[in-house]
């Protein structure tokens, strides 16, 4: 189940009041990218793509956490009955459905880590999971970024970026470009869209 677009926007605004920061605009840019790509892919619903992109980091409403934002977002969305959003709260951070390549601190309790690992084992990634991973890798906090520029920014902030995750993001970009028959940056308005 999904919230409406309007409800999703309200959830994000409320979350930003709890924990202000650049993550809110990053989420809006991810949503913009997801919607634009979703419009170009016949099997995707662009409204659903927008909502998933908008709420993929909703766990940040609970404070500054690394891996904790994943379990917080998953649990919060499940508590509201939004299982499709809860799913991308998990999958957007894990290119291989394991926590092995996670970038950031493992700041969860054992129980939270167990929730993440157990849920990941039950998910077979679909096009929405892949789309939000891609859009997360395109979205800065002020504009759409070149995917390699964004990954280098993350690498600079955290001190590393796993090569497998880097390669996966490049493959995702190529995958959606092939699907659309168009260059990704033209579709998402990289040079035009700003927050």
Protein backbone atom coordinates (compact mmCIF):
# COMPACT_ATOMS: atom_id res chain seq x y z
CA UNK A 1 0.00 0.00 0.00
CA UNK A 2 1.06 3.57 -0.74
CA UNK A 3 0.12 6.97 0.63
CA UNK A 4 -1.29 9.44 -1.85
CA UNK A 5 1.09 11.92 -3.38
CA UNK A 6 -0.31 14.65 -1.13
CA UNK A 7 0.01 12.49 1.98
CA UNK A 8 3.58 11.62 1.04
CA UNK A 9 4.44 15.31 0.71
CA UNK A 10 2.87 15.96 4.13
CA UNK A 11 4.83 13.08 5.69
CA UNK A 12 8.07 14.53 4.34
CA UNK A 13 7.27 18.07 5.57
CA UNK A 14 6.42 16.74 9.05
CA UNK A 15 9.62 14.70 9.08
CA UNK A 16 11.71 17.74 8.18
CA UNK A 17 10.24 19.58 11.18
CA UNK A 18 11.46 16.72 13.40
CA UNK A 19 14.95 16.63 11.86
CA UNK A 20 15.72 19.54 9.52
CA UNK A 21 18.51 19.05 7.01
CA UNK A 22 19.50 18.66 3.37
CA UNK A 23 18.03 15.14 3.28
CA UNK A 24 14.56 16.60 2.62
CA UNK A 25 15.57 18.28 -0.63
CA UNK A 26 17.65 15.23 -1.57
CA UNK A 27 14.41 13.23 -1.24
CA UNK A 28 12.51 15.73 -3.42
CA UNK A 29 15.19 15.51 -6.11
CA UNK A 30 15.14 11.69 -5.97
CA UNK A 31 11.34 11.87 -6.36
CA UNK A 32 11.66 14.22 -9.33
CA UNK A 33 14.10 11.84 -11.04
CA UNK A 34 11.98 8.78 -10.27
CA UNK A 35 8.86 10.43 -11.68
CA UNK A 36 10.59 11.54 -14.89
CA UNK A 37 12.12 8.11 -15.49
CA UNK A 38 8.84 6.44 -14.52
CA UNK A 39 7.02 8.40 -17.24
CA UNK A 40 9.42 7.00 -19.83
CA UNK A 41 9.09 3.34 -18.77
CA UNK A 42 5.77 1.73 -19.73
CA UNK A 43 5.77 -0.81 -16.89
CA UNK A 44 6.31 1.84 -14.20
CA UNK A 45 3.73 4.12 -12.63
CA UNK A 46 5.24 7.60 -12.41
CA UNK A 47 3.13 8.62 -9.38
CA UNK A 48 4.23 5.53 -7.48
CA UNK A 49 7.83 6.20 -8.49
CA UNK A 50 7.54 9.79 -7.21
CA UNK A 51 6.08 8.70 -3.85
CA UNK A 52 8.74 6.03 -3.35
CA UNK A 53 11.51 8.49 -4.21
CA UNK A 54 10.06 11.12 -1.90
CA UNK A 55 9.89 8.80 1.11
CA UNK A 56 12.93 6.54 0.64
CA UNK A 57 14.81 8.40 3.43
CA UNK A 58 11.81 9.06 5.69
CA UNK A 59 13.60 7.30 8.56
CA UNK A 60 15.73 10.43 8.90
CA UNK A 61 12.78 12.05 10.66
CA UNK A 62 13.95 10.28 13.83
CA UNK A 63 17.35 11.99 13.97
CA UNK A 64 20.84 11.77 12.60
CA UNK A 65 21.50 8.08 12.08
CA UNK A 66 23.35 6.08 9.49
CA UNK A 67 22.09 2.49 9.15
CA UNK A 68 19.49 3.40 11.75
CA UNK A 69 17.61 5.54 9.23
CA UNK A 70 16.93 2.37 7.24
CA UNK A 71 15.32 0.48 10.11
CA UNK A 72 13.55 3.63 11.34
CA UNK A 73 12.04 4.27 7.91
CA UNK A 74 11.06 0.65 7.43
CA UNK A 75 9.40 0.36 10.84
CA UNK A 76 7.67 3.75 10.56
CA UNK A 77 6.19 3.04 7.13
CA UNK A 78 5.11 -0.46 8.20
CA UNK A 79 3.37 1.07 11.23
CA UNK A 80 1.36 3.28 8.85
CA UNK A 81 0.53 0.35 6.58
CA UNK A 82 2.71 1.61 3.71
CA UNK A 83 4.52 -1.63 2.97
CA UNK A 84 5.65 -0.56 -0.53
CA UNK A 85 7.40 2.49 0.91
CA UNK A 86 8.83 0.44 3.79
CA UNK A 87 10.38 -1.84 1.19
CA UNK A 88 12.32 0.96 -0.55
CA UNK A 89 13.36 2.37 2.82
CA UNK A 90 15.35 -0.88 2.99
CA UNK A 91 16.32 -1.62 -0.59
CA UNK A 92 17.65 1.82 -1.54
CA UNK A 93 20.73 1.30 0.64
CA UNK A 94 21.72 -2.24 -0.36
CA UNK A 95 22.81 -3.00 -3.91
CA UNK A 96 23.12 -6.75 -3.21
CA UNK A 97 20.36 -7.29 -0.63
CA UNK A 98 22.90 -7.64 2.18
CA UNK A 99 24.29 -5.15 4.68
CA UNK A 100 27.86 -6.03 3.68
CA UNK A 101 28.45 -3.02 1.42
CA UNK A 102 26.60 -0.46 3.52
CA UNK A 103 28.26 2.96 3.51
CA UNK A 104 28.14 4.55 6.94
CA UNK A 105 28.12 3.51 10.57
CA UNK A 106 26.25 0.49 11.86
CA UNK A 107 24.40 2.47 14.52
CA UNK A 108 21.51 0.08 15.02
CA UNK A 109 20.63 -2.17 17.90
CA UNK A 110 20.94 -5.90 17.29
CA UNK A 111 17.14 -6.02 17.04
CA UNK A 112 17.06 -3.29 14.37
CA UNK A 113 19.85 -4.98 12.43
CA UNK A 114 17.92 -8.24 12.61
CA UNK A 115 14.80 -6.54 11.22
CA UNK A 116 16.82 -5.20 8.28
CA UNK A 117 18.55 -8.50 7.52
CA UNK A 118 15.37 -10.58 7.89
CA UNK A 119 13.37 -8.27 5.63
CA UNK A 120 16.12 -8.14 2.98
CA UNK A 121 16.10 -11.94 2.78
CA UNK A 122 12.42 -11.94 1.78
CA UNK A 123 12.67 -9.27 -0.96
CA UNK A 124 13.26 -10.02 -4.61
CA UNK A 125 14.32 -6.66 -6.07
CA UNK A 126 11.98 -5.22 -8.70
CA UNK A 127 12.16 -2.26 -11.06
CA UNK A 128 11.02 0.19 -8.38
CA UNK A 129 13.79 -0.97 -6.03
CA UNK A 130 16.32 -0.51 -8.82
CA UNK A 131 14.83 2.86 -9.82
CA UNK A 132 15.06 4.32 -6.32
CA UNK A 133 18.64 3.06 -5.92
CA UNK A 134 19.49 4.87 -9.14
CA UNK A 135 17.65 8.06 -8.18
CA UNK A 136 19.33 8.06 -4.76
CA UNK A 137 22.63 8.02 -6.66
CA UNK A 138 21.55 10.95 -8.86
CA UNK A 139 20.06 13.23 -6.22
CA UNK A 140 22.09 15.89 -4.49
CA UNK A 141 20.46 18.29 -2.05
CA UNK A 142 20.20 21.18 -4.51
CA UNK A 143 20.12 19.60 -7.94
CA UNK A 144 20.46 16.44 -9.97
CA UNK A 145 24.10 15.37 -10.04
CA UNK A 146 26.21 13.38 -12.42
CA UNK A 147 26.14 9.88 -10.93
CA UNK A 148 29.92 9.69 -10.58
CA UNK A 149 30.01 13.17 -9.00
CA UNK A 150 27.40 12.03 -6.45
CA UNK A 151 29.28 8.81 -5.66
CA UNK A 152 32.53 10.75 -5.26
CA UNK A 153 30.73 13.12 -2.87
CA UNK A 154 29.61 10.16 -0.75
CA UNK A 155 33.13 8.69 -0.94
CA UNK A 156 34.61 11.98 0.26
CA UNK A 157 32.15 12.24 3.18
CA UNK A 158 32.51 8.62 4.34
CA UNK A 159 36.08 7.85 3.26
CA UNK A 160 35.15 4.99 0.92
CA UNK A 161 32.65 3.74 -1.64
CA UNK A 162 32.53 0.00 -2.37
CA UNK A 163 33.49 -0.75 -5.96
CA UNK A 164 30.63 -3.26 -6.31
CA UNK A 165 28.09 -0.59 -5.34
CA UNK A 166 29.73 1.92 -7.70
CA UNK A 167 29.59 -0.59 -10.56
CA UNK A 168 25.99 -1.48 -9.73
CA UNK A 169 24.92 2.18 -9.94
CA UNK A 170 26.58 2.53 -13.35
CA UNK A 171 24.76 -0.63 -14.49
CA UNK A 172 21.45 0.79 -13.20
CA UNK A 173 22.00 3.97 -15.18
CA UNK A 174 22.71 1.94 -18.33
CA UNK A 175 19.72 -0.34 -17.64
CA UNK A 176 17.24 2.53 -17.47
CA UNK A 177 18.81 4.33 -20.42
CA UNK A 178 18.37 1.19 -22.52
CA UNK A 179 14.78 0.83 -21.31
CA UNK A 180 13.94 4.42 -22.21
CA UNK A 181 16.10 4.66 -25.32
CA UNK A 182 17.22 8.02 -23.94
CA UNK A 183 20.11 9.51 -21.99
CA UNK A 184 19.25 9.69 -18.29
CA UNK A 185 20.42 13.25 -17.68
CA UNK A 186 18.23 14.59 -20.49
CA UNK A 187 15.19 12.76 -19.06
CA UNK A 188 15.65 14.10 -15.51
CA UNK A 189 16.63 17.61 -16.63
CA UNK A 190 20.03 17.50 -14.96
CA UNK A 191 21.07 20.97 -16.10
CA UNK A 192 17.65 22.58 -15.59
CA UNK A 193 16.10 21.14 -12.44
CA UNK A 194 17.06 22.88 -9.19
CA UNK A 195 15.49 23.11 -5.73
